[in-house]
């Protein structure tokens, strides 16, 4: 399998502080990775590098075979090959647009409709992705009127619209209640187990949000990688305790994960 993402000795420094520090990490085609870590660990920084919107201060980053900052690499050709869903994207989208329009604009690499004409095949693709994420009844609803869970599902459908080779999910379950989280995890699990789906990287704080079908985990703390590899091997109580800085117990129940702290003595 070829590398979809390869970071070698990557650091990002801002105002004298390393947001990520000497990170080496590779994601191969077909893998589904979850990045775990506390606030400020560097998770979103890694995701921004993977999206090509942030360049390393030092080290090298290859995305889909192209080196960031390399001779002949045009990030504007690279970015349509990467799907991104997260809070930052939600803030760029007009709240007055319908759900269908919000997904369709991704076909042109835009955030808002203008005077473009969409082919019937584009509309069918958008509707198919929305149906897959349980949004078929919301096509004409305005994006700004959606609940948090409905908005998250719309963003994922939008990220899939360009048929990306790499799908990035930035805390997709953040702000959801228990029902909304479980519905999203179930749908992400279906996507993660689809052999035709793109390689995936998801950022989260919570092991409960790891959907079935995710294959690998990367744990990061204070910009440094603590563990990286198959989720069954690396998602341990020892590693998670080290990552979050307090004693934690990780358990697997069926095809889901949970974690809790030890009682105070």
C-alpha atoms as a PDB file:
ATOM      1  CA  UNK A   1       0.000   0.000   0.000  1.00  0.00           C
ATOM      2  CA  UNK A   2       1.222   3.486  -0.814  1.00  0.00           C
ATOM      3  CA  UNK A   3       1.520   6.306   1.711  1.00  0.00           C
ATOM      4  CA  UNK A   4      -1.366   8.768   1.683  1.00  0.00           C
ATOM      5  CA  UNK A   5       0.402  10.931   4.253  1.00  0.00           C
ATOM      6  CA  UNK A   6       4.020  10.865   5.350  1.00  0.00           C
ATOM      7  CA  UNK A   7       5.527  13.224   7.915  1.00  0.00           C
ATOM      8  CA  UNK A   8       9.255  13.019   8.633  1.00  0.00           C
ATOM      9  CA  UNK A   9      10.712  14.944  11.593  1.00  0.00           C
ATOM     10  CA  UNK A  10       7.984  17.589  11.289  1.00  0.00           C
ATOM     11  CA  UNK A  11       7.797  20.535  13.681  1.00  0.00           C
ATOM     12  CA  UNK A  12       5.551  23.595  13.634  1.00  0.00           C
ATOM     13  CA  UNK A  13       6.809  26.515  15.736  1.00  0.00           C
ATOM     14  CA  UNK A  14       4.796  29.636  16.552  1.00  0.00           C
ATOM     15  CA  UNK A  15       6.087  32.439  18.803  1.00  0.00           C
ATOM     16  CA  UNK A  16       8.907  30.223  19.968  1.00  0.00           C
ATOM     17  CA  UNK A  17       6.579  27.373  20.952  1.00  0.00           C
ATOM     18  CA  UNK A  18       6.445  24.021  19.173  1.00  0.00           C
ATOM     19  CA  UNK A  19       2.836  23.134  18.379  1.00  0.00           C
ATOM     20  CA  UNK A  20       4.087  19.788  17.073  1.00  0.00           C
ATOM     21  CA  UNK A  21       7.619  18.669  17.769  1.00  0.00           C
ATOM     22  CA  UNK A  22       9.685  16.303  15.618  1.00  0.00           C
ATOM     23  CA  UNK A  23       6.727  14.182  14.479  1.00  0.00           C
ATOM     24  CA  UNK A  24       7.246  11.260  12.114  1.00  0.00           C
ATOM     25  CA  UNK A  25       4.064   9.488  11.054  1.00  0.00           C
ATOM     26  CA  UNK A  26       2.683   7.751   7.987  1.00  0.00           C
ATOM     27  CA  UNK A  27      -0.832   6.865   6.871  1.00  0.00           C
ATOM     28  CA  UNK A  28      -1.216   4.214   4.205  1.00  0.00           C
ATOM     29  CA  UNK A  29      -3.963   3.832   1.650  1.00  0.00           C
ATOM     30  CA  UNK A  30      -7.119   2.344   3.148  1.00  0.00           C
ATOM     31  CA  UNK A  31      -6.188   3.006   6.775  1.00  0.00           C
ATOM     32  CA  UNK A  32      -8.551   4.812   9.150  1.00  0.00           C
ATOM     33  CA  UNK A  33      -6.688   6.730  11.864  1.00  0.00           C
ATOM     34  CA  UNK A  34      -7.910   8.467  15.001  1.00  0.00           C
ATOM     35  CA  UNK A  35      -5.742  11.146  16.650  1.00  0.00           C
ATOM     36  CA  UNK A  36      -6.226  11.250  20.422  1.00  0.00           C
ATOM     37  CA  UNK A  37      -4.900  13.788  22.891  1.00  0.00           C
ATOM     38  CA  UNK A  38      -5.798  16.527  25.370  1.00  0.00           C
ATOM     39  CA  UNK A  39      -6.517  20.142  24.477  1.00  0.00           C
ATOM     40  CA  UNK A  40      -3.457  21.878  23.058  1.00  0.00           C
ATOM     41  CA  UNK A  41      -1.686  18.611  22.250  1.00  0.00           C
ATOM     42  CA  UNK A  42      -1.243  19.441  18.549  1.00  0.00           C
ATOM     43  CA  UNK A  43      -4.047  17.333  17.065  1.00  0.00           C
ATOM     44  CA  UNK A  44      -5.597  20.061  14.920  1.00  0.00           C
ATOM     45  CA  UNK A  45      -2.125  21.248  13.857  1.00  0.00           C
ATOM     46  CA  UNK A  46      -1.448  17.792  12.420  1.00  0.00           C
ATOM     47  CA  UNK A  47      -4.798  17.839  10.662  1.00  0.00           C
ATOM     48  CA  UNK A  48      -4.051  21.273   9.173  1.00  0.00           C
ATOM     49  CA  UNK A  49      -0.771  19.938   7.779  1.00  0.00           C
ATOM     50  CA  UNK A  50      -2.607  16.935   6.313  1.00  0.00           C
ATOM     51  CA  UNK A  51      -5.076  19.325   4.649  1.00  0.00           C
ATOM     52  CA  UNK A  52      -2.144  21.287   3.057  1.00  0.00           C
ATOM     53  CA  UNK A  53      -3.251  24.532   4.727  1.00  0.00           C
ATOM     54  CA  UNK A  54      -0.300  24.567   7.140  1.00  0.00           C
ATOM     55  CA  UNK A  55       3.342  24.043   6.170  1.00  0.00           C
ATOM     56  CA  UNK A  56       5.917  22.598   8.591  1.00  0.00           C
ATOM     57  CA  UNK A  57       8.522  24.887  10.108  1.00  0.00           C
ATOM     58  CA  UNK A  58      10.970  22.031   9.666  1.00  0.00           C
ATOM     59  CA  UNK A  59      10.851  18.498   8.364  1.00  0.00           C
ATOM     60  CA  UNK A  60       9.057  17.183   5.289  1.00  0.00           C
ATOM     61  CA  UNK A  61       5.404  16.416   4.644  1.00  0.00           C
ATOM     62  CA  UNK A  62       4.158  14.385   1.686  1.00  0.00           C
ATOM     63  CA  UNK A  63       0.423  14.295   0.991  1.00  0.00           C
ATOM     64  CA  UNK A  64      -0.938  11.986  -1.708  1.00  0.00           C
ATOM     65  CA  UNK A  65       2.538  11.751  -3.183  1.00  0.00           C
ATOM     66  CA  UNK A  66       3.157  15.512  -3.269  1.00  0.00           C
ATOM     67  CA  UNK A  67       5.657  17.285  -1.022  1.00  0.00           C
ATOM     68  CA  UNK A  68       4.358  20.400   0.717  1.00  0.00           C
ATOM     69  CA  UNK A  69       6.511  23.282  -0.455  1.00  0.00           C
ATOM     70  CA  UNK A  70       8.234  21.048  -2.977  1.00  0.00           C
ATOM     71  CA  UNK A  71       9.162  22.102  -6.511  1.00  0.00           C
ATOM     72  CA  UNK A  72       6.221  21.501  -8.838  1.00  0.00           C
ATOM     73  CA  UNK A  73       3.670  21.002  -6.055  1.00  0.00           C
ATOM     74  CA  UNK A  74       0.554  23.149  -6.464  1.00  0.00           C
ATOM     75  CA  UNK A  75      -1.590  23.007  -3.324  1.00  0.00           C
ATOM     76  CA  UNK A  76      -4.580  24.253  -5.327  1.00  0.00           C
ATOM     77  CA  UNK A  77      -4.406  21.047  -7.366  1.00  0.00           C
ATOM     78  CA  UNK A  78      -3.851  18.993  -4.224  1.00  0.00           C
ATOM     79  CA  UNK A  79      -6.661  20.351  -2.041  1.00  0.00           C
ATOM     80  CA  UNK A  80      -9.610  19.046  -4.114  1.00  0.00           C
ATOM     81  CA  UNK A  81      -8.199  15.558  -3.466  1.00  0.00           C
ATOM     82  CA  UNK A  82      -8.647  16.076   0.283  1.00  0.00           C
ATOM     83  CA  UNK A  83     -12.039  16.215   2.010  1.00  0.00           C
ATOM     84  CA  UNK A  84     -12.263  18.243   5.229  1.00  0.00           C
ATOM     85  CA  UNK A  85     -15.109  18.462   7.739  1.00  0.00           C
ATOM     86  CA  UNK A  86     -14.856  20.468  10.927  1.00  0.00           C
ATOM     87  CA  UNK A  87     -15.782  23.620  12.815  1.00  0.00           C
ATOM     88  CA  UNK A  88     -13.521  25.806  10.671  1.00  0.00           C
ATOM     89  CA  UNK A  89     -15.362  24.760   7.506  1.00  0.00           C
ATOM     90  CA  UNK A  90     -18.793  25.227   9.098  1.00  0.00           C
ATOM     91  CA  UNK A  91     -17.956  28.859   9.886  1.00  0.00           C
ATOM     92  CA  UNK A  92     -17.167  29.565   6.220  1.00  0.00           C
ATOM     93  CA  UNK A  93     -20.503  28.325   4.875  1.00  0.00           C
ATOM     94  CA  UNK A  94     -23.452  30.703   4.370  1.00  0.00           C
ATOM     95  CA  UNK A  95     -26.245  29.902   6.798  1.00  0.00           C
ATOM     96  CA  UNK A  96     -28.913  30.916   4.251  1.00  0.00           C
ATOM     97  CA  UNK A  97     -28.007  28.142   1.789  1.00  0.00           C
ATOM     98  CA  UNK A  98     -29.995  24.952   1.712  1.00  0.00           C
ATOM     99  CA  UNK A  99     -28.458  21.661   2.768  1.00  0.00           C
ATOM    100  CA  UNK A 100     -28.358  20.509  -0.856  1.00  0.00           C
ATOM    101  CA  UNK A 101     -26.650  23.724  -1.987  1.00  0.00           C
ATOM    102  CA  UNK A 102     -24.144  23.444   0.853  1.00  0.00           C
ATOM    103  CA  UNK A 103     -23.038  20.039  -0.407  1.00  0.00           C
ATOM    104  CA  UNK A 104     -23.214  20.928  -4.107  1.00  0.00           C
ATOM    105  CA  UNK A 105     -20.864  23.925  -3.836  1.00  0.00           C
ATOM    106  CA  UNK A 106     -18.032  21.543  -2.937  1.00  0.00           C
ATOM    107  CA  UNK A 107     -18.144  20.240  -6.536  1.00  0.00           C
ATOM    108  CA  UNK A 108     -16.750  23.633  -7.656  1.00  0.00           C
ATOM    109  CA  UNK A 109     -14.469  24.084  -4.665  1.00  0.00           C
ATOM    110  CA  UNK A 110     -16.650  26.947  -3.448  1.00  0.00           C
ATOM    111  CA  UNK A 111     -18.393  27.727  -0.159  1.00  0.00           C
ATOM    112  CA  UNK A 112     -21.313  29.730  -1.603  1.00  0.00           C
ATOM    113  CA  UNK A 113     -23.479  29.472  -4.688  1.00  0.00           C
ATOM    114  CA  UNK A 114     -22.978  32.058  -7.428  1.00  0.00           C
ATOM    115  CA  UNK A 115     -24.310  31.546 -10.952  1.00  0.00           C
ATOM    116  CA  UNK A 116     -22.884  28.106 -11.552  1.00  0.00           C
ATOM    117  CA  UNK A 117     -24.940  25.344 -13.150  1.00  0.00           C
ATOM    118  CA  UNK A 118     -24.757  21.859 -11.711  1.00  0.00           C
ATOM    119  CA  UNK A 119     -25.037  18.739 -13.800  1.00  0.00           C
ATOM    120  CA  UNK A 120     -27.776  16.278 -12.851  1.00  0.00           C
ATOM    121  CA  UNK A 121     -25.033  13.811 -11.911  1.00  0.00           C
ATOM    122  CA  UNK A 122     -23.712  16.315  -9.337  1.00  0.00           C
ATOM    123  CA  UNK A 123     -27.146  16.634  -7.754  1.00  0.00           C
ATOM    124  CA  UNK A 124     -27.565  12.869  -7.648  1.00  0.00           C
ATOM    125  CA  UNK A 125     -24.151  12.465  -5.999  1.00  0.00           C
ATOM    126  CA  UNK A 126     -24.954  15.126  -3.398  1.00  0.00           C
ATOM    127  CA  UNK A 127     -28.313  13.523  -2.621  1.00  0.00           C
ATOM    128  CA  UNK A 128     -26.699  10.075  -2.353  1.00  0.00           C
ATOM    129  CA  UNK A 129     -24.125  11.271   0.185  1.00  0.00           C
ATOM    130  CA  UNK A 130     -26.793  13.099   2.169  1.00  0.00           C
ATOM    131  CA  UNK A 131     -28.982  10.000   2.149  1.00  0.00           C
ATOM    132  CA  UNK A 132     -26.070   7.932   3.412  1.00  0.00           C
ATOM    133  CA  UNK A 133     -25.786  10.293   6.358  1.00  0.00           C
ATOM    134  CA  UNK A 134     -29.496  10.396   7.106  1.00  0.00           C
ATOM    135  CA  UNK A 135     -30.130  13.866   5.670  1.00  0.00           C
ATOM    136  CA  UNK A 136     -32.530  13.112   2.797  1.00  0.00           C
ATOM    137  CA  UNK A 137     -35.424  14.811   4.586  1.00  0.00           C
ATOM    138  CA  UNK A 138     -33.444  18.045   5.003  1.00  0.00           C
ATOM    139  CA  UNK A 139     -32.430  18.908   1.424  1.00  0.00           C
ATOM    140  CA  UNK A 140     -34.353  22.208   1.370  1.00  0.00           C
ATOM    141  CA  UNK A 141     -33.637  23.205   4.959  1.00  0.00           C
ATOM    142  CA  UNK A 142     -31.325  26.176   5.431  1.00  0.00           C
ATOM    143  CA  UNK A 143     -27.928  25.223   6.784  1.00  0.00           C
ATOM    144  CA  UNK A 144     -28.186  27.798   9.578  1.00  0.00           C
ATOM    145  CA  UNK A 145     -31.357  26.216  10.984  1.00  0.00           C
ATOM    146  CA  UNK A 146     -29.869  22.731  11.452  1.00  0.00           C
ATOM    147  CA  UNK A 147     -29.116  21.155  14.787  1.00  0.00           C
ATOM    148  CA  UNK A 148     -25.471  20.499  15.642  1.00  0.00           C
ATOM    149  CA  UNK A 149     -25.756  16.840  14.668  1.00  0.00           C
ATOM    150  CA  UNK A 150     -27.492  17.629  11.368  1.00  0.00           C
ATOM    151  CA  UNK A 151     -24.823  20.205  10.573  1.00  0.00           C
ATOM    152  CA  UNK A 152     -22.020  17.719  11.258  1.00  0.00           C
ATOM    153  CA  UNK A 153     -23.594  15.129   8.967  1.00  0.00           C
ATOM    154  CA  UNK A 154     -24.039  17.734   6.212  1.00  0.00           C
ATOM    155  CA  UNK A 155     -20.368  18.703   6.483  1.00  0.00           C
ATOM    156  CA  UNK A 156     -19.257  15.088   6.096  1.00  0.00           C
ATOM    157  CA  UNK A 157     -21.465  14.678   3.018  1.00  0.00           C
ATOM    158  CA  UNK A 158     -19.930  17.883   1.643  1.00  0.00           C
ATOM    159  CA  UNK A 159     -16.408  16.611   2.296  1.00  0.00           C
ATOM    160  CA  UNK A 160     -17.204  13.457   0.290  1.00  0.00           C
ATOM    161  CA  UNK A 161     -18.546  15.384  -2.701  1.00  0.00           C
ATOM    162  CA  UNK A 162     -15.199  15.695  -4.527  1.00  0.00           C
ATOM    163  CA  UNK A 163     -14.528  11.945  -4.202  1.00  0.00           C
ATOM    164  CA  UNK A 164     -11.461  12.632  -2.028  1.00  0.00           C
ATOM    165  CA  UNK A 165      -8.531  10.295  -1.592  1.00  0.00           C
ATOM    166  CA  UNK A 166      -8.126  11.459   2.009  1.00  0.00           C
ATOM    167  CA  UNK A 167     -10.958  12.416   4.387  1.00  0.00           C
ATOM    168  CA  UNK A 168     -10.160  14.560   7.452  1.00  0.00           C
ATOM    169  CA  UNK A 169     -12.639  14.857  10.329  1.00  0.00           C
ATOM    170  CA  UNK A 170     -11.952  17.450  13.019  1.00  0.00           C
ATOM    171  CA  UNK A 171     -13.877  16.487  16.182  1.00  0.00           C
ATOM    172  CA  UNK A 172     -17.017  15.456  14.281  1.00  0.00           C
ATOM    173  CA  UNK A 173     -18.925  14.553  17.466  1.00  0.00           C
ATOM    174  CA  UNK A 174     -18.048  17.697  19.446  1.00  0.00           C
ATOM    175  CA  UNK A 175     -21.120  19.413  20.905  1.00  0.00           C
ATOM    176  CA  UNK A 176     -23.474  16.501  20.288  1.00  0.00           C
ATOM    177  CA  UNK A 177     -25.718  14.976  22.916  1.00  0.00           C
ATOM    178  CA  UNK A 178     -25.566  11.233  23.582  1.00  0.00           C
ATOM    179  CA  UNK A 179     -28.148  10.353  20.913  1.00  0.00           C
ATOM    180  CA  UNK A 180     -26.518  12.568  18.305  1.00  0.00           C
ATOM    181  CA  UNK A 181     -23.088  11.169  19.080  1.00  0.00           C
ATOM    182  CA  UNK A 182     -24.221   7.559  18.827  1.00  0.00           C
ATOM    183  CA  UNK A 183     -26.025   8.197  15.548  1.00  0.00           C
ATOM    184  CA  UNK A 184     -22.926   9.848  14.072  1.00  0.00           C
ATOM    185  CA  UNK A 185     -20.585   7.125  15.342  1.00  0.00           C
ATOM    186  CA  UNK A 186     -22.832   4.487  13.777  1.00  0.00           C
ATOM    187  CA  UNK A 187     -22.753   6.271  10.417  1.00  0.00           C
ATOM    188  CA  UNK A 188     -19.002   6.868  10.582  1.00  0.00           C
ATOM    189  CA  UNK A 189     -18.560   3.180  11.341  1.00  0.00           C
ATOM    190  CA  UNK A 190     -20.458   2.270   8.205  1.00  0.00           C
ATOM    191  CA  UNK A 191     -18.263   4.639   6.196  1.00  0.00           C
ATOM    192  CA  UNK A 192     -15.031   3.417   7.802  1.00  0.00           C
ATOM    193  CA  UNK A 193     -15.848  -0.205   6.951  1.00  0.00           C
ATOM    194  CA  UNK A 194     -16.587   0.623   3.303  1.00  0.00           C
ATOM    195  CA  UNK A 195     -13.591  -0.652   1.276  1.00  0.00           C
ATOM    196  CA  UNK A 196     -14.256   2.017  -1.372  1.00  0.00           C
ATOM    197  CA  UNK A 197     -14.193   4.897   1.123  1.00  0.00           C
ATOM    198  CA  UNK A 198     -11.087   7.089   1.223  1.00  0.00           C
ATOM    199  CA  UNK A 199      -8.358   6.874   3.826  1.00  0.00           C
ATOM    200  CA  UNK A 200      -9.548   8.695   6.947  1.00  0.00           C
ATOM    201  CA  UNK A 201      -8.049  10.691   9.814  1.00  0.00           C
ATOM    202  CA  UNK A 202     -10.289  11.784  12.686  1.00  0.00           C
ATOM    203  CA  UNK A 203      -9.365  14.027  15.626  1.00  0.00           C
ATOM    204  CA  UNK A 204     -11.123  13.491  18.955  1.00  0.00           C
ATOM    205  CA  UNK A 205     -10.645  13.766  22.725  1.00  0.00           C
ATOM    206  CA  UNK A 206     -12.797  10.753  23.560  1.00  0.00           C
ATOM    207  CA  UNK A 207     -12.241   7.042  22.919  1.00  0.00           C
ATOM    208  CA  UNK A 208     -16.047   6.593  23.001  1.00  0.00           C
ATOM    209  CA  UNK A 209     -16.166   8.447  19.665  1.00  0.00           C
ATOM    210  CA  UNK A 210     -13.955   5.917  17.870  1.00  0.00           C
ATOM    211  CA  UNK A 211     -16.242   4.230  15.368  1.00  0.00           C
ATOM    212  CA  UNK A 212     -15.958   0.550  14.469  1.00  0.00           C
ATOM    213  CA  UNK A 213     -13.787   0.226  11.382  1.00  0.00           C
ATOM    214  CA  UNK A 214     -11.086   2.659  12.510  1.00  0.00           C
ATOM    215  CA  UNK A 215      -7.852   0.723  12.267  1.00  0.00           C
ATOM    216  CA  UNK A 216      -5.109   2.848  13.837  1.00  0.00           C
ATOM    217  CA  UNK A 217      -4.553   5.360  16.632  1.00  0.00           C
ATOM    218  CA  UNK A 218      -2.010   8.124  17.135  1.00  0.00           C
ATOM    219  CA  UNK A 219      -1.666   9.582  20.629  1.00  0.00           C
ATOM    220  CA  UNK A 220      -0.074  12.984  21.043  1.00  0.00           C
ATOM    221  CA  UNK A 221       0.765  15.118  24.073  1.00  0.00           C
ATOM    222  CA  UNK A 222       2.463  18.529  24.117  1.00  0.00           C
ATOM    223  CA  UNK A 223       3.259  18.209  20.434  1.00  0.00           C
ATOM    224  CA  UNK A 224       5.025  14.856  20.687  1.00  0.00           C
ATOM    225  CA  UNK A 225       3.818  11.454  19.529  1.00  0.00           C
ATOM    226  CA  UNK A 226       3.492   8.997  22.407  1.00  0.00           C
ATOM    227  CA  UNK A 227       2.094   6.016  20.506  1.00  0.00           C
ATOM    228  CA  UNK A 228       1.098   5.178  16.933  1.00  0.00           C
ATOM    229  CA  UNK A 229      -0.092   1.949  15.400  1.00  0.00           C
ATOM    230  CA  UNK A 230      -2.998  -0.514  15.207  1.00  0.00           C
ATOM    231  CA  UNK A 231      -5.756   0.502  17.606  1.00  0.00           C
ATOM    232  CA  UNK A 232      -5.940  -2.952  19.224  1.00  0.00           C
ATOM    233  CA  UNK A 233      -2.256  -2.765  20.177  1.00  0.00           C
ATOM    234  CA  UNK A 234      -1.794   0.901  21.073  1.00  0.00           C
ATOM    235  CA  UNK A 235      -5.076   1.900  22.722  1.00  0.00           C
ATOM    236  CA  UNK A 236      -4.083   0.678  26.175  1.00  0.00           C
ATOM    237  CA  UNK A 237      -4.689   1.977  29.679  1.00  0.00           C
ATOM    238  CA  UNK A 238      -0.954   2.690  30.034  1.00  0.00           C
ATOM    239  CA  UNK A 239      -0.718   4.708  26.811  1.00  0.00           C
ATOM    240  CA  UNK A 240      -3.942   6.634  27.422  1.00  0.00           C
ATOM    241  CA  UNK A 241      -2.931   7.453  31.006  1.00  0.00           C
ATOM    242  CA  UNK A 242       0.396   8.800  29.749  1.00  0.00           C
ATOM    243  CA  UNK A 243      -1.371  10.773  27.026  1.00  0.00           C
ATOM    244  CA  UNK A 244      -3.871  12.520  29.322  1.00  0.00           C
ATOM    245  CA  UNK A 245      -1.665  12.725  32.396  1.00  0.00           C
ATOM    246  CA  UNK A 246      -3.813  10.819  34.890  1.00  0.00           C
ATOM    247  CA  UNK A 247      -4.628   7.164  35.663  1.00  0.00           C
ATOM    248  CA  UNK A 248      -7.166   5.855  33.165  1.00  0.00           C
ATOM    249  CA  UNK A 249      -8.627   2.454  32.395  1.00  0.00           C
ATOM    250  CA  UNK A 250      -9.481   1.562  28.795  1.00  0.00           C
ATOM    251  CA  UNK A 251     -12.008  -1.152  28.073  1.00  0.00           C
ATOM    252  CA  UNK A 252     -13.389  -2.630  24.891  1.00  0.00           C
ATOM    253  CA  UNK A 253     -17.039  -3.616  24.823  1.00  0.00           C
ATOM    254  CA  UNK A 254     -17.943  -5.367  21.597  1.00  0.00           C
ATOM    255  CA  UNK A 255     -16.619  -3.160  18.796  1.00  0.00           C
ATOM    256  CA  UNK A 256     -16.552   0.044  20.900  1.00  0.00           C
ATOM    257  CA  UNK A 257     -14.095   1.578  23.333  1.00  0.00           C
ATOM    258  CA  UNK A 258     -14.626   3.329  26.647  1.00  0.00           C
ATOM    259  CA  UNK A 259     -12.333   4.908  29.243  1.00  0.00           C
ATOM    260  CA  UNK A 260     -12.730   6.021  32.837  1.00  0.00           C
ATOM    261  CA  UNK A 261     -10.564   7.282  35.654  1.00  0.00           C
ATOM    262  CA  UNK A 262      -9.613   5.327  38.751  1.00  0.00           C
ATOM    263  CA  UNK A 263     -11.447   6.199  41.990  1.00  0.00           C
ATOM    264  CA  UNK A 264      -9.672   8.545  44.386  1.00  0.00           C
ATOM    265  CA  UNK A 265      -8.250   6.874  47.459  1.00  0.00           C
END
